Amino acid sequence: MDLRTYLEQNGVRFQWMSHPATYTSQDLAHVEHISGRNVVKPVVVQADGRFLLCALPASHRVDLDELRRELHAENVALADEMQIRRLCPDCEVGAEPPIGALFGLPTIMDDSLFADEEVAFQAGTHQDAVRMSFSEFFRLARPTVGHFGKCA
């Protein structure tokens, strides 16, 4: 299911934005004139053989040691491009929305996102993004919450 359909079916109020191609979450923040704190970036990881989607501010990076502790996992590693293509076949690599349910993946969110009233994120392509309230994002993503993001 594509993101727009998913949002509409779940009754989410959102703004769809089209922009010049951006290849990082920080670039998205720049082109949309919003803080990198308010852009949610997805990071797909593999923890003890299972994939999950991490959601954190664009201004942060995943601390893999912290994430490993949060997940009580032995091994945590970033997914590679080939794995991401297989997990998210309808998205351009690097433009996946940070909602694991779209891909059959659990979502874990860094607790720093609670500070945001509004968030934005890529919508499956490098030219499309979505903006919505944080509360709608949280309701939709249904994440577990942890503390694994570090300021970049």
C-alpha atoms as a PDB file:
ATOM      1  CA  MET A   1       0.000   0.000   0.000  1.00  0.00           C
ATOM      2  CA  ASP A   2       1.317   3.449  -0.812  1.00  0.00           C
ATOM      3  CA  LEU A   3       1.737   6.058   1.894  1.00  0.00           C
ATOM      4  CA  ARG A   4      -0.980   8.445   0.710  1.00  0.00           C
ATOM      5  CA  THR A   5      -3.580   5.645   0.701  1.00  0.00           C
ATOM      6  CA  TYR A   6      -2.394   4.452   4.111  1.00  0.00           C
ATOM      7  CA  LEU A   7      -2.716   7.957   5.566  1.00  0.00           C
ATOM      8  CA  GLU A   8      -6.156   8.507   4.056  1.00  0.00           C
ATOM      9  CA  GLN A   9      -7.451   5.102   5.205  1.00  0.00           C
ATOM     10  CA  ASN A  10      -6.269   5.874   8.730  1.00  0.00           C
ATOM     11  CA  GLY A  11      -7.939   9.296   8.780  1.00  0.00           C
ATOM     12  CA  VAL A  12      -4.681  11.184   9.196  1.00  0.00           C
ATOM     13  CA  ARG A  13      -4.591  14.935   8.601  1.00  0.00           C
ATOM     14  CA  PHE A  14      -1.471  15.638   6.569  1.00  0.00           C
ATOM     15  CA  GLN A  15       0.098  17.965   4.051  1.00  0.00           C
ATOM     16  CA  TRP A  16       1.697  16.406   0.950  1.00  0.00           C
ATOM     17  CA  MET A  17       4.718  18.357  -0.273  1.00  0.00           C
ATOM     18  CA  SER A  18       6.613  18.079  -3.545  1.00  0.00           C
ATOM     19  CA  HIS A  19      10.107  19.511  -3.797  1.00  0.00           C
ATOM     20  CA  PRO A  20      13.360  19.183  -5.747  1.00  0.00           C
ATOM     21  CA  ALA A  21      15.061  15.838  -5.153  1.00  0.00           C
ATOM     22  CA  THR A  22      16.653  15.485  -1.715  1.00  0.00           C
ATOM     23  CA  TYR A  23      18.808  12.552  -0.706  1.00  0.00           C
ATOM     24  CA  THR A  24      19.219  13.113   3.026  1.00  0.00           C
ATOM     25  CA  SER A  25      16.811  14.052   5.780  1.00  0.00           C
ATOM     26  CA  GLN A  26      18.855  17.166   6.491  1.00  0.00           C
ATOM     27  CA  ASP A  27      18.492  18.180   2.814  1.00  0.00           C
ATOM     28  CA  LEU A  28      14.734  17.706   3.149  1.00  0.00           C
ATOM     29  CA  ALA A  29      14.755  20.012   6.178  1.00  0.00           C
ATOM     30  CA  HIS A  30      16.700  22.614   4.210  1.00  0.00           C
ATOM     31  CA  VAL A  31      14.496  22.555   1.102  1.00  0.00           C
ATOM     32  CA  GLU A  32      11.284  22.634   3.176  1.00  0.00           C
ATOM     33  CA  HIS A  33      12.668  25.379   5.468  1.00  0.00           C
ATOM     34  CA  ILE A  34      12.148  23.418   8.679  1.00  0.00           C
ATOM     35  CA  SER A  35      14.494  22.322  11.441  1.00  0.00           C
ATOM     36  CA  GLY A  36      16.262  18.984  11.113  1.00  0.00           C
ATOM     37  CA  ARG A  37      14.832  18.239  14.559  1.00  0.00           C
ATOM     38  CA  ASN A  38      11.372  18.128  12.959  1.00  0.00           C
ATOM     39  CA  VAL A  39      12.294  15.774  10.121  1.00  0.00           C
ATOM     40  CA  VAL A  40      11.916  12.114  11.035  1.00  0.00           C
ATOM     41  CA  LYS A  41      14.429   9.878   9.330  1.00  0.00           C
ATOM     42  CA  PRO A  42      14.087   6.130   9.081  1.00  0.00           C
ATOM     43  CA  VAL A  43      17.009   3.816   9.679  1.00  0.00           C
ATOM     44  CA  VAL A  44      16.477   0.124   8.972  1.00  0.00           C
ATOM     45  CA  VAL A  45      18.493  -2.187  11.189  1.00  0.00           C
ATOM     46  CA  GLN A  46      18.825  -5.892  11.709  1.00  0.00           C
ATOM     47  CA  ALA A  47      18.806  -7.006  15.347  1.00  0.00           C
ATOM     48  CA  ASP A  48      19.551 -10.653  16.056  1.00  0.00           C
ATOM     49  CA  GLY A  49      18.307 -11.619  12.597  1.00  0.00           C
ATOM     50  CA  ARG A  50      15.091  -9.565  12.508  1.00  0.00           C
ATOM     51  CA  PHE A  51      14.601  -6.252  10.763  1.00  0.00           C
ATOM     52  CA  LEU A  52      13.059  -3.182  12.341  1.00  0.00           C
ATOM     53  CA  LEU A  53      12.705   0.459  11.477  1.00  0.00           C
ATOM     54  CA  CYS A  54      14.188   3.129  13.730  1.00  0.00           C
ATOM     55  CA  ALA A  55      12.642   6.611  13.656  1.00  0.00           C
ATOM     56  CA  LEU A  56      14.686   9.556  14.897  1.00  0.00           C
ATOM     57  CA  PRO A  57      15.294  13.229  14.119  1.00  0.00           C
ATOM     58  CA  ALA A  58      17.366  14.012  11.032  1.00  0.00           C
ATOM     59  CA  SER A  59      19.724  15.892  13.341  1.00  0.00           C
ATOM     60  CA  HIS A  60      20.585  12.647  15.153  1.00  0.00           C
ATOM     61  CA  ARG A  61      22.351   9.411  14.341  1.00  0.00           C
ATOM     62  CA  VAL A  62      21.651   5.911  15.650  1.00  0.00           C
ATOM     63  CA  ASP A  63      23.984   4.868  18.444  1.00  0.00           C
ATOM     64  CA  LEU A  64      24.132   1.138  17.643  1.00  0.00           C
ATOM     65  CA  ASP A  65      25.477   0.230  21.093  1.00  0.00           C
ATOM     66  CA  GLU A  66      22.615   2.070  22.807  1.00  0.00           C
ATOM     67  CA  LEU A  67      20.108   0.505  20.419  1.00  0.00           C
ATOM     68  CA  ARG A  68      21.521  -2.953  21.090  1.00  0.00           C
ATOM     69  CA  ARG A  69      21.027  -2.367  24.840  1.00  0.00           C
ATOM     70  CA  GLU A  70      17.499  -0.991  24.295  1.00  0.00           C
ATOM     71  CA  LEU A  71      16.560  -4.068  22.261  1.00  0.00           C
ATOM     72  CA  HIS A  72      18.351  -6.514  24.568  1.00  0.00           C
ATOM     73  CA  ALA A  73      20.000  -7.845  21.418  1.00  0.00           C
ATOM     74  CA  GLU A  74      23.369  -9.453  20.901  1.00  0.00           C
ATOM     75  CA  ASN A  75      23.957  -8.053  17.411  1.00  0.00           C
ATOM     76  CA  VAL A  76      22.614  -4.912  15.766  1.00  0.00           C
ATOM     77  CA  ALA A  77      23.730  -3.724  12.344  1.00  0.00           C
ATOM     78  CA  LEU A  78      22.513  -1.272   9.725  1.00  0.00           C
ATOM     79  CA  ALA A  79      20.626  -2.886   6.849  1.00  0.00           C
ATOM     80  CA  ASP A  80      22.349  -2.600   3.489  1.00  0.00           C
ATOM     81  CA  GLU A  81      20.808  -1.173   0.302  1.00  0.00           C
ATOM     82  CA  MET A  82      19.909  -4.587  -1.093  1.00  0.00           C
ATOM     83  CA  GLN A  83      18.057  -5.538   2.091  1.00  0.00           C
ATOM     84  CA  ILE A  84      16.214  -2.209   2.150  1.00  0.00           C
ATOM     85  CA  ARG A  85      15.173  -2.644  -1.505  1.00  0.00           C
ATOM     86  CA  ARG A  86      13.750  -6.063  -0.659  1.00  0.00           C
ATOM     87  CA  LEU A  87      11.955  -4.830   2.484  1.00  0.00           C
ATOM     88  CA  CYS A  88      10.583  -1.617   0.926  1.00  0.00           C
ATOM     89  CA  PRO A  89      10.102  -2.443  -2.766  1.00  0.00           C
ATOM     90  CA  ASP A  90       7.724   0.442  -3.524  1.00  0.00           C
ATOM     91  CA  CYS A  91      10.109   3.122  -2.230  1.00  0.00           C
ATOM     92  CA  GLU A  92      13.232   4.735  -3.560  1.00  0.00           C
ATOM     93  CA  VAL A  93      16.135   3.685  -1.325  1.00  0.00           C
ATOM     94  CA  GLY A  94      16.695   6.426   1.213  1.00  0.00           C
ATOM     95  CA  ALA A  95      13.168   7.822   0.894  1.00  0.00           C
ATOM     96  CA  GLU A  96      11.270   5.288   3.010  1.00  0.00           C
ATOM     97  CA  PRO A  97       8.631   6.747   5.340  1.00  0.00           C
ATOM     98  CA  PRO A  98       9.480   6.117   9.023  1.00  0.00           C
ATOM     99  CA  ILE A  99       6.410   3.933   9.566  1.00  0.00           C
ATOM    100  CA  GLY A 100       7.437   0.298   9.821  1.00  0.00           C
ATOM    101  CA  ALA A 101       3.855  -0.992   9.559  1.00  0.00           C
ATOM    102  CA  LEU A 102       3.889  -0.046   5.862  1.00  0.00           C
ATOM    103  CA  PHE A 103       6.571  -2.701   5.378  1.00  0.00           C
ATOM    104  CA  GLY A 104       5.558  -5.266   7.982  1.00  0.00           C
ATOM    105  CA  LEU A 105       8.321  -4.065  10.316  1.00  0.00           C
ATOM    106  CA  PRO A 106       8.144  -2.987  13.947  1.00  0.00           C
ATOM    107  CA  THR A 107       9.041   0.652  14.581  1.00  0.00           C
ATOM    108  CA  ILE A 108      11.194   1.896  17.444  1.00  0.00           C
ATOM    109  CA  MET A 109      11.237   5.653  17.950  1.00  0.00           C
ATOM    110  CA  ASP A 110      13.852   7.722  19.712  1.00  0.00           C
ATOM    111  CA  ASP A 111      12.280   9.516  22.672  1.00  0.00           C
ATOM    112  CA  SER A 112      13.709  12.868  21.535  1.00  0.00           C
ATOM    113  CA  LEU A 113      10.869  13.089  18.973  1.00  0.00           C
ATOM    114  CA  PHE A 114       8.390  13.754  21.791  1.00  0.00           C
ATOM    115  CA  ALA A 115       9.670  17.356  21.792  1.00  0.00           C
ATOM    116  CA  ASP A 116       8.163  17.985  18.338  1.00  0.00           C
ATOM    117  CA  GLU A 117       4.653  19.292  17.714  1.00  0.00           C
ATOM    118  CA  GLU A 118       4.908  18.737  13.971  1.00  0.00           C
ATOM    119  CA  VAL A 119       7.040  16.355  11.914  1.00  0.00           C
ATOM    120  CA  ALA A 120       7.899  15.828   8.261  1.00  0.00           C
ATOM    121  CA  PHE A 121       9.415  12.896   6.416  1.00  0.00           C
ATOM    122  CA  GLN A 122      10.078  11.497   2.945  1.00  0.00           C
ATOM    123  CA  ALA A 123       7.024   9.900   1.344  1.00  0.00           C
ATOM    124  CA  GLY A 124       8.644   7.094  -0.625  1.00  0.00           C
ATOM    125  CA  THR A 125      10.378   9.202  -3.266  1.00  0.00           C
ATOM    126  CA  HIS A 126      13.160  11.755  -3.130  1.00  0.00           C
ATOM    127  CA  GLN A 127      10.734  14.423  -4.424  1.00  0.00           C
ATOM    128  CA  ASP A 128       7.788  13.919  -2.047  1.00  0.00           C
ATOM    129  CA  ALA A 129       7.379  14.486   1.672  1.00  0.00           C
ATOM    130  CA  VAL A 130       4.607  14.587   4.234  1.00  0.00           C
ATOM    131  CA  ARG A 131       4.033  16.945   7.135  1.00  0.00           C
ATOM    132  CA  MET A 132       1.694  16.118  10.036  1.00  0.00           C
ATOM    133  CA  SER A 133       1.310  16.593  13.751  1.00  0.00           C
ATOM    134  CA  PHE A 134       3.575  14.508  15.931  1.00  0.00           C
ATOM    135  CA  SER A 135       0.532  13.026  17.677  1.00  0.00           C
ATOM    136  CA  GLU A 136      -0.805  11.739  14.325  1.00  0.00           C
ATOM    137  CA  PHE A 137       2.613  10.295  13.456  1.00  0.00           C
ATOM    138  CA  PHE A 138       2.810   8.556  16.834  1.00  0.00           C
ATOM    139  CA  ARG A 139      -0.716   7.155  16.488  1.00  0.00           C
ATOM    140  CA  LEU A 140       0.038   5.881  13.003  1.00  0.00           C
ATOM    141  CA  ALA A 141       3.535   4.472  13.630  1.00  0.00           C
ATOM    142  CA  ARG A 142       2.582   2.784  16.923  1.00  0.00           C
ATOM    143  CA  PRO A 143       6.261   2.670  17.891  1.00  0.00           C
ATOM    144  CA  THR A 144       7.980   1.295  20.902  1.00  0.00           C
ATOM    145  CA  VAL A 145      10.016   4.096  22.413  1.00  0.00           C
ATOM    146  CA  GLY A 146      13.678   4.038  23.350  1.00  0.00           C
ATOM    147  CA  HIS A 147      16.691   6.244  23.734  1.00  0.00           C
ATOM    148  CA  PHE A 148      19.232   5.459  21.018  1.00  0.00           C
ATOM    149  CA  GLY A 149      19.699   8.701  19.068  1.00  0.00           C
ATOM    150  CA  LYS A 150      22.727  10.918  19.468  1.00  0.00           C
ATOM    151  CA  CYS A 151      23.148  14.405  18.045  1.00  0.00           C
ATOM    152  CA  ALA A 152      25.114  14.142  14.816  1.00  0.00           C
END
